[in-house]
């Protein structure tokens, strides 16, 4: 049922020349790489992509600091949107992955950006400062990472 709903969202987006994208949250019921891949594969619409959030991918990969490895498994061609944030591999108050400014956590953000660039990602990027105490600092650090990756 979820995959059918996402397929319909892809149809609507595609009809308007847009990309629809979804993400899964590590502490919720759909919370594994297998869930992410199965939902996307079963939804099966070219205008439906997944969101790459390094903090979520890190938790789904065992909090190794190497979220780019799961990104490679998902495939850059399947990414529609980037939530750029770092993490320390823990949950924030049990709610979802802890977000940190780029460079303040353990995720290899520069490597994630390299994988996206080399894979031809041309989608939207948002610096995800959700519940980061100083969102301006997070935006500044995220922008620096994006600029460095573009060079």
Protein backbone atom coordinates (compact mmCIF):
# COMPACT_ATOMS: atom_id res chain seq x y z
CA UNK A 1 0.00 0.00 0.00
CA UNK A 2 2.81 2.45 0.86
CA UNK A 3 4.66 1.70 -2.37
CA UNK A 4 1.44 2.23 -4.37
CA UNK A 5 0.93 5.59 -2.67
CA UNK A 6 4.51 6.60 -3.47
CA UNK A 7 4.02 5.46 -7.07
CA UNK A 8 0.98 7.76 -7.28
CA UNK A 9 3.05 10.61 -5.81
CA UNK A 10 5.66 9.95 -8.50
CA UNK A 11 2.97 10.10 -11.19
CA UNK A 12 1.65 13.42 -9.90
CA UNK A 13 5.16 14.87 -9.63
CA UNK A 14 6.11 13.58 -13.08
CA UNK A 15 2.98 15.06 -14.63
CA UNK A 16 4.17 18.47 -13.40
CA UNK A 17 7.83 18.05 -14.35
CA UNK A 18 8.88 17.57 -10.73
CA UNK A 19 10.68 14.94 -8.68
CA UNK A 20 9.05 13.52 -5.56
CA UNK A 21 11.41 12.18 -2.90
CA UNK A 22 10.97 10.34 0.39
CA UNK A 23 13.13 9.41 3.33
CA UNK A 24 12.84 6.99 6.19
CA UNK A 25 13.69 7.78 9.79
CA UNK A 26 15.96 5.31 11.59
CA UNK A 27 13.89 4.91 14.80
CA UNK A 28 10.55 4.44 13.00
CA UNK A 29 8.91 1.29 11.65
CA UNK A 30 10.55 1.57 8.21
CA UNK A 31 14.16 1.92 9.30
CA UNK A 32 16.58 -0.29 7.38
CA UNK A 33 18.41 -0.06 4.08
CA UNK A 34 16.31 -3.01 2.90
CA UNK A 35 13.09 -1.10 3.68
CA UNK A 36 14.35 1.94 1.78
CA UNK A 37 15.39 -0.07 -1.27
CA UNK A 38 12.24 -2.24 -1.33
CA UNK A 39 9.87 0.73 -1.01
CA UNK A 40 11.63 2.59 -3.81
CA UNK A 41 11.86 -0.46 -6.06
CA UNK A 42 8.20 -1.43 -5.52
CA UNK A 43 6.97 2.15 -6.04
CA UNK A 44 8.71 1.96 -9.43
CA UNK A 45 8.26 5.43 -10.89
CA UNK A 46 11.01 7.46 -12.59
CA UNK A 47 9.86 10.69 -10.90
CA UNK A 48 10.09 9.14 -7.42
CA UNK A 49 13.50 9.29 -5.77
CA UNK A 50 14.86 8.99 -2.24
CA UNK A 51 16.35 11.65 -0.01
CA UNK A 52 19.97 11.34 1.05
CA UNK A 53 20.39 12.42 4.65
CA UNK A 54 23.86 11.40 5.87
CA UNK A 55 22.67 11.26 9.49
CA UNK A 56 19.90 8.78 8.64
CA UNK A 57 22.11 6.70 6.37
CA UNK A 58 24.78 6.63 9.08
CA UNK A 59 22.36 5.19 11.65
CA UNK A 60 20.99 2.69 9.14
CA UNK A 61 24.60 1.61 8.49
CA UNK A 62 25.49 0.96 12.12
CA UNK A 63 26.78 4.47 12.99
CA UNK A 64 30.13 3.90 11.32
CA UNK A 65 30.64 7.45 10.05
CA UNK A 66 30.57 6.10 6.49
CA UNK A 67 27.06 6.92 5.22
CA UNK A 68 28.43 7.23 1.68
CA UNK A 69 28.75 3.45 1.54
CA UNK A 70 24.96 3.06 1.82
CA UNK A 71 24.57 5.96 -0.63
CA UNK A 72 26.60 3.94 -3.14
CA UNK A 73 24.37 0.92 -2.54
CA UNK A 74 21.20 2.99 -3.08
CA UNK A 75 22.76 4.57 -6.15
CA UNK A 76 23.21 8.26 -6.86
CA UNK A 77 20.76 8.00 -9.77
CA UNK A 78 18.05 7.20 -7.21
CA UNK A 79 18.72 10.30 -5.09
CA UNK A 80 16.42 13.24 -5.65
CA UNK A 81 17.24 15.53 -2.76
CA UNK A 82 20.06 16.08 -0.28
CA UNK A 83 19.55 16.91 3.39
CA UNK A 84 23.09 18.00 4.23
CA UNK A 85 23.95 17.44 7.87
CA UNK A 86 26.55 15.70 9.99
CA UNK A 87 25.92 13.39 12.94
CA UNK A 88 27.64 11.65 15.80
CA UNK A 89 25.76 8.40 15.14
CA UNK A 90 23.27 8.74 17.98
CA UNK A 91 19.58 9.48 18.32
CA UNK A 92 18.40 12.88 19.50
CA UNK A 93 16.22 12.29 22.54
CA UNK A 94 15.11 9.01 21.00
CA UNK A 95 13.34 10.88 18.19
CA UNK A 96 15.58 10.66 15.16
CA UNK A 97 19.21 10.92 14.18
CA UNK A 98 21.17 13.67 15.88
CA UNK A 99 21.97 16.44 13.43
CA UNK A 100 25.23 18.40 13.72
CA UNK A 101 26.87 21.06 11.60
CA UNK A 102 29.06 19.63 8.82
CA UNK A 103 32.45 18.80 10.27
CA UNK A 104 31.19 18.63 13.87
CA UNK A 105 30.30 14.94 13.71
CA UNK A 106 31.85 11.71 12.58
CA UNK A 107 30.23 11.28 9.16
CA UNK A 108 32.57 11.57 6.21
CA UNK A 109 30.58 14.38 4.59
CA UNK A 110 33.26 15.31 2.05
CA UNK A 111 33.25 11.71 0.81
CA UNK A 112 29.44 11.75 0.54
CA UNK A 113 29.60 14.91 -1.54
CA UNK A 114 32.31 13.38 -3.74
CA UNK A 115 30.15 10.30 -4.34
CA UNK A 116 27.18 12.51 -5.23
CA UNK A 117 29.26 14.71 -7.56
CA UNK A 118 30.99 11.80 -9.27
CA UNK A 119 27.65 10.01 -9.64
CA UNK A 120 26.15 12.98 -11.48
CA UNK A 121 23.78 14.24 -8.77
CA UNK A 122 22.13 17.46 -9.92
CA UNK A 123 19.22 17.64 -7.47
CA UNK A 124 18.39 20.05 -4.71
CA UNK A 125 20.48 20.37 -1.56
CA UNK A 126 19.22 21.73 1.73
CA UNK A 127 21.47 22.38 4.69
CA UNK A 128 19.57 20.55 7.38
CA UNK A 129 19.94 22.51 10.61
CA UNK A 130 17.04 20.79 12.36
CA UNK A 131 17.49 21.07 16.14
CA UNK A 132 21.09 22.24 15.79
CA UNK A 133 21.65 24.88 18.52
CA UNK A 134 23.28 27.37 16.13
CA UNK A 135 21.61 27.02 12.71
CA UNK A 136 23.65 29.90 11.26
CA UNK A 137 26.88 28.09 12.09
CA UNK A 138 25.44 24.92 10.54
CA UNK A 139 24.50 26.78 7.35
CA UNK A 140 27.93 28.39 7.10
CA UNK A 141 29.74 25.06 7.57
CA UNK A 142 27.41 23.27 5.17
CA UNK A 143 27.92 25.92 2.49
CA UNK A 144 31.70 25.61 2.89
CA UNK A 145 31.43 21.85 2.39
CA UNK A 146 29.30 22.32 -0.73
CA UNK A 147 31.72 24.89 -2.14
CA UNK A 148 34.71 22.66 -1.46
CA UNK A 149 32.98 19.70 -3.15
CA UNK A 150 32.23 21.79 -6.23
CA UNK A 151 35.91 22.57 -6.77
